[in-house]
């Protein structure tokens, strides 16, 4: 895995602070101060991780992420937003961000989120469970090699984090997984944030996996957690 981190940030003081901290942690750092340059840099080579501001000149961060994910679904991306508002966060996550952090932030929290994102990607690449075999439940099939999900002939598009969460539940189908188990596996032990993020992602996934079909696969066990299993309505 490459050791380079791309920072796409137009605020020079923030970009410089991140650069110094990451170099101190052993990363090599490249900075882009606008969205178009950031997209070009993101597509130019393999990165260990990309830190992407949402509010950028020339091309906003959401559009950069959308275009990046068309050709690269694997590189971890953490989005930065100056506004702690749901639309910014949801837009970033919907377009495939692995995590987000709002300004102002503590550098230790950002570094922890980076470690978690990088570790989760490393596990995906090295875990024997991530083989080319397919998983199936009811009329849904998930191909680990291609990350394709199909249900009744319909291709279902999930963001990287949605995919990670659904894969975890599918690999443990018929078992009720609590929020802590899900966060530790999908977001990592270093995750700093509200456990309600699990509920938010479950809602996203249900809209794509269950809403247009007669059989619900994702089930809530109140006060306990979530489970994937067949159950006819």
Protein backbone atom coordinates (compact mmCIF):
# COMPACT_ATOMS: atom_id res chain seq x y z
CA UNK A 1 0.00 0.00 0.00
CA UNK A 2 1.24 3.44 -0.86
CA UNK A 3 2.33 5.67 2.01
CA UNK A 4 1.30 8.97 0.47
CA UNK A 5 -1.53 11.11 1.79
CA UNK A 6 -3.25 13.67 -0.40
CA UNK A 7 -4.65 16.74 1.35
CA UNK A 8 -7.17 18.74 -0.69
CA UNK A 9 -7.64 21.90 1.36
CA UNK A 10 -7.67 25.56 0.35
CA UNK A 11 -7.07 26.98 3.84
CA UNK A 12 -3.29 27.22 3.91
CA UNK A 13 -2.91 27.17 7.70
CA UNK A 14 -4.96 23.99 8.05
CA UNK A 15 -3.18 22.31 5.14
CA UNK A 16 0.24 23.20 6.58
CA UNK A 17 -0.71 21.95 10.05
CA UNK A 18 -1.92 18.65 8.63
CA UNK A 19 1.18 18.35 6.49
CA UNK A 20 3.53 18.78 9.47
CA UNK A 21 1.60 16.34 11.65
CA UNK A 22 1.43 13.67 8.96
CA UNK A 23 5.09 14.00 8.03
CA UNK A 24 5.88 13.60 11.74
CA UNK A 25 3.83 10.37 11.67
CA UNK A 26 5.86 9.05 8.76
CA UNK A 27 3.61 9.85 5.81
CA UNK A 28 4.58 11.57 2.60
CA UNK A 29 2.21 14.43 1.87
CA UNK A 30 0.93 16.19 -1.23
CA UNK A 31 -1.30 19.27 -1.01
CA UNK A 32 -3.82 20.54 -3.54
CA UNK A 33 -5.54 23.87 -2.83
CA UNK A 34 -8.51 23.58 -5.20
CA UNK A 35 -10.92 20.91 -6.32
CA UNK A 36 -9.74 20.49 -9.90
CA UNK A 37 -6.10 20.07 -8.91
CA UNK A 38 -7.20 17.78 -6.10
CA UNK A 39 -9.12 15.51 -8.49
CA UNK A 40 -6.18 15.39 -10.90
CA UNK A 41 -3.83 14.48 -8.07
CA UNK A 42 -6.26 11.90 -6.66
CA UNK A 43 -6.45 10.13 -10.00
CA UNK A 44 -2.74 10.40 -10.75
CA UNK A 45 -1.53 7.57 -8.51
CA UNK A 46 -2.31 5.29 -5.58
CA UNK A 47 -2.79 6.96 -2.19
CA UNK A 48 -2.87 5.55 1.28
CA UNK A 49 -5.59 8.05 2.18
CA UNK A 50 -7.15 11.28 0.95
CA UNK A 51 -8.24 14.14 3.22
CA UNK A 52 -10.80 16.15 1.28
CA UNK A 53 -12.37 19.48 2.25
CA UNK A 54 -15.96 19.98 1.09
CA UNK A 55 -15.79 23.73 0.49
CA UNK A 56 -13.23 24.16 -2.28
CA UNK A 57 -12.72 26.62 -5.15
CA UNK A 58 -13.19 25.54 -8.77
CA UNK A 59 -14.73 22.15 -7.89
CA UNK A 60 -16.37 21.36 -4.57
CA UNK A 61 -15.32 18.37 -2.52
CA UNK A 62 -18.55 16.42 -3.05
CA UNK A 63 -18.09 16.61 -6.82
CA UNK A 64 -14.43 15.63 -6.48
CA UNK A 65 -15.48 12.59 -4.45
CA UNK A 66 -18.25 11.65 -6.87
CA UNK A 67 -15.88 11.66 -9.83
CA UNK A 68 -13.16 9.84 -7.90
CA UNK A 69 -15.50 7.03 -6.86
CA UNK A 70 -16.41 6.37 -10.48
CA UNK A 71 -12.92 4.96 -11.01
CA UNK A 72 -11.62 4.29 -7.50
CA UNK A 73 -13.86 2.80 -4.81
CA UNK A 74 -11.05 1.61 -2.56
CA UNK A 75 -8.87 4.56 -1.48
CA UNK A 76 -10.00 5.72 1.99
CA UNK A 77 -11.35 9.28 1.96
CA UNK A 78 -12.05 11.44 5.00
CA UNK A 79 -14.04 14.59 4.27
CA UNK A 80 -13.65 17.84 6.19
CA UNK A 81 -16.52 20.23 6.64
CA UNK A 82 -16.64 23.60 8.36
CA UNK A 83 -20.34 23.22 8.93
CA UNK A 84 -21.62 20.53 11.27
CA UNK A 85 -24.78 20.09 9.23
CA UNK A 86 -26.48 16.88 8.22
CA UNK A 87 -26.67 17.64 4.46
CA UNK A 88 -22.89 18.11 4.17
CA UNK A 89 -22.21 14.92 6.08
CA UNK A 90 -24.85 12.86 4.29
CA UNK A 91 -23.70 14.08 0.86
CA UNK A 92 -20.13 13.08 1.63
CA UNK A 93 -21.09 9.66 2.93
CA UNK A 94 -23.49 9.04 0.04
CA UNK A 95 -20.74 9.75 -2.47
CA UNK A 96 -18.44 7.23 -0.82
CA UNK A 97 -16.52 8.97 1.96
CA UNK A 98 -15.22 6.54 4.56
CA UNK A 99 -15.53 9.02 7.39
CA UNK A 100 -15.94 12.72 8.13
CA UNK A 101 -14.73 15.29 10.63
CA UNK A 102 -15.97 18.83 11.25
CA UNK A 103 -13.88 21.96 11.67
CA UNK A 104 -12.49 22.92 14.05
CA UNK A 105 -11.09 19.53 15.00
CA UNK A 106 -8.44 18.07 17.24
CA UNK A 107 -5.54 16.66 15.25
CA UNK A 108 -5.50 13.57 17.50
CA UNK A 109 -9.08 12.77 16.49
CA UNK A 110 -8.29 13.12 12.80
CA UNK A 111 -5.23 10.89 13.14
CA UNK A 112 -7.32 8.28 14.96
CA UNK A 113 -9.92 8.31 12.20
CA UNK A 114 -7.15 8.01 9.61
CA UNK A 115 -5.66 4.98 11.37
CA UNK A 116 -9.08 3.34 11.52
CA UNK A 117 -9.78 3.95 7.82
CA UNK A 118 -6.35 2.69 6.75
CA UNK A 119 -6.58 -0.36 9.03
CA UNK A 120 -10.01 -1.30 7.70
CA UNK A 121 -8.72 -1.06 4.13
CA UNK A 122 -5.70 -3.23 5.04
CA UNK A 123 -7.99 -5.85 6.57
CA UNK A 124 -10.06 -5.91 3.39
CA UNK A 125 -6.93 -6.56 1.35
CA UNK A 126 -5.41 -9.26 3.58
CA UNK A 127 -8.31 -11.00 5.35
CA UNK A 128 -8.88 -14.48 3.89
CA UNK A 129 -12.62 -13.84 4.24
CA UNK A 130 -12.29 -11.29 1.46
CA UNK A 131 -11.96 -14.07 -1.09
CA UNK A 132 -13.58 -14.20 -4.51
CA UNK A 133 -16.43 -16.35 -3.24
CA UNK A 134 -19.99 -15.11 -3.27
CA UNK A 135 -22.44 -14.78 -0.41
CA UNK A 136 -26.15 -15.43 -0.88
CA UNK A 137 -29.30 -14.94 1.14
CA UNK A 138 -32.81 -15.30 -0.25
CA UNK A 139 -32.67 -13.69 -3.73
CA UNK A 140 -29.64 -11.48 -3.00
CA UNK A 141 -26.11 -12.30 -4.08
CA UNK A 142 -22.92 -10.44 -3.09
CA UNK A 143 -19.69 -11.05 -4.98
CA UNK A 144 -16.67 -10.23 -2.81
CA UNK A 145 -14.27 -10.04 -5.74
CA UNK A 146 -16.23 -7.46 -7.69
CA UNK A 147 -18.18 -6.01 -4.73
CA UNK A 148 -21.31 -6.37 -6.87
CA UNK A 149 -24.64 -6.86 -5.13
CA UNK A 150 -27.66 -8.13 -7.07
CA UNK A 151 -31.20 -8.81 -5.95
CA UNK A 152 -33.84 -10.20 -8.30
CA UNK A 153 -31.65 -9.15 -11.22
CA UNK A 154 -31.33 -5.58 -9.96
CA UNK A 155 -27.86 -4.24 -9.25
CA UNK A 156 -27.68 -2.49 -5.89
CA UNK A 157 -25.16 0.32 -5.49
CA UNK A 158 -23.73 0.85 -2.00
CA UNK A 159 -21.14 3.36 -0.87
CA UNK A 160 -17.88 1.83 0.48
CA UNK A 161 -18.93 2.19 4.11
CA UNK A 162 -22.45 0.89 3.42
CA UNK A 163 -20.87 -2.09 1.67
CA UNK A 164 -18.55 -2.79 4.60
CA UNK A 165 -21.44 -2.73 7.06
CA UNK A 166 -23.74 -4.90 4.96
CA UNK A 167 -20.94 -7.38 4.23
CA UNK A 168 -20.25 -7.69 7.97
CA UNK A 169 -23.91 -8.43 8.69
CA UNK A 170 -24.15 -10.83 5.76
CA UNK A 171 -21.04 -12.73 6.81
CA UNK A 172 -22.68 -13.10 10.23
CA UNK A 173 -26.22 -13.72 8.98
CA UNK A 174 -28.76 -15.02 11.49
CA UNK A 175 -26.62 -13.52 14.28
CA UNK A 176 -27.67 -10.31 16.01
CA UNK A 177 -24.72 -7.91 15.97
CA UNK A 178 -24.74 -5.04 18.46
CA UNK A 179 -23.62 -1.49 17.69
CA UNK A 180 -20.26 -1.90 19.41
CA UNK A 181 -19.43 -4.98 17.33
CA UNK A 182 -20.44 -3.20 14.15
CA UNK A 183 -18.46 -0.04 14.95
CA UNK A 184 -15.34 -2.01 15.94
CA UNK A 185 -15.42 -3.98 12.70
CA UNK A 186 -16.58 -1.33 10.23
CA UNK A 187 -15.18 1.91 11.70
CA UNK A 188 -12.38 0.47 13.86
CA UNK A 189 -11.55 0.47 17.55
CA UNK A 190 -10.22 4.02 17.29
CA UNK A 191 -13.58 5.41 16.15
CA UNK A 192 -14.45 8.65 17.92
CA UNK A 193 -18.08 9.58 17.53
CA UNK A 194 -21.69 8.75 18.24
CA UNK A 195 -22.83 5.12 17.99
CA UNK A 196 -25.97 6.45 16.28
CA UNK A 197 -23.92 6.46 13.08
CA UNK A 198 -24.77 2.74 12.86
CA UNK A 199 -28.50 3.52 12.85
CA UNK A 200 -27.99 6.16 10.17
CA UNK A 201 -26.17 3.71 7.90
CA UNK A 202 -28.72 0.97 8.50
CA UNK A 203 -31.41 3.37 7.24
CA UNK A 204 -29.35 4.10 4.13
CA UNK A 205 -28.82 0.40 3.41
CA UNK A 206 -32.47 -0.56 4.01
CA UNK A 207 -33.59 1.95 1.37
CA UNK A 208 -31.40 0.16 -1.16
CA UNK A 209 -31.62 -3.46 -0.03
CA UNK A 210 -35.19 -3.89 1.24
CA UNK A 211 -37.59 -1.12 0.22
CA UNK A 212 -38.45 -2.37 -3.28
CA UNK A 213 -38.75 -6.04 -2.36
CA UNK A 214 -41.32 -8.29 -0.68
CA UNK A 215 -38.90 -9.84 1.79
CA UNK A 216 -36.96 -7.78 4.33
CA UNK A 217 -33.41 -8.97 4.97
CA UNK A 218 -32.23 -6.40 7.54
CA UNK A 219 -33.92 -6.65 10.93
CA UNK A 220 -33.76 -4.55 14.08
CA UNK A 221 -33.70 -6.12 17.53
CA UNK A 222 -34.53 -3.20 19.76
CA UNK A 223 -32.04 -2.63 22.54
CA UNK A 224 -29.72 -5.25 21.04
CA UNK A 225 -28.65 -4.62 17.46
CA UNK A 226 -29.16 -5.71 13.85
CA UNK A 227 -29.33 -8.97 11.95
CA UNK A 228 -29.51 -10.12 8.32
CA UNK A 229 -31.90 -13.03 7.76
CA UNK A 230 -34.85 -14.00 5.57
CA UNK A 231 -38.27 -13.10 6.82
CA UNK A 232 -41.41 -12.91 4.75
CA UNK A 233 -43.79 -10.02 5.24
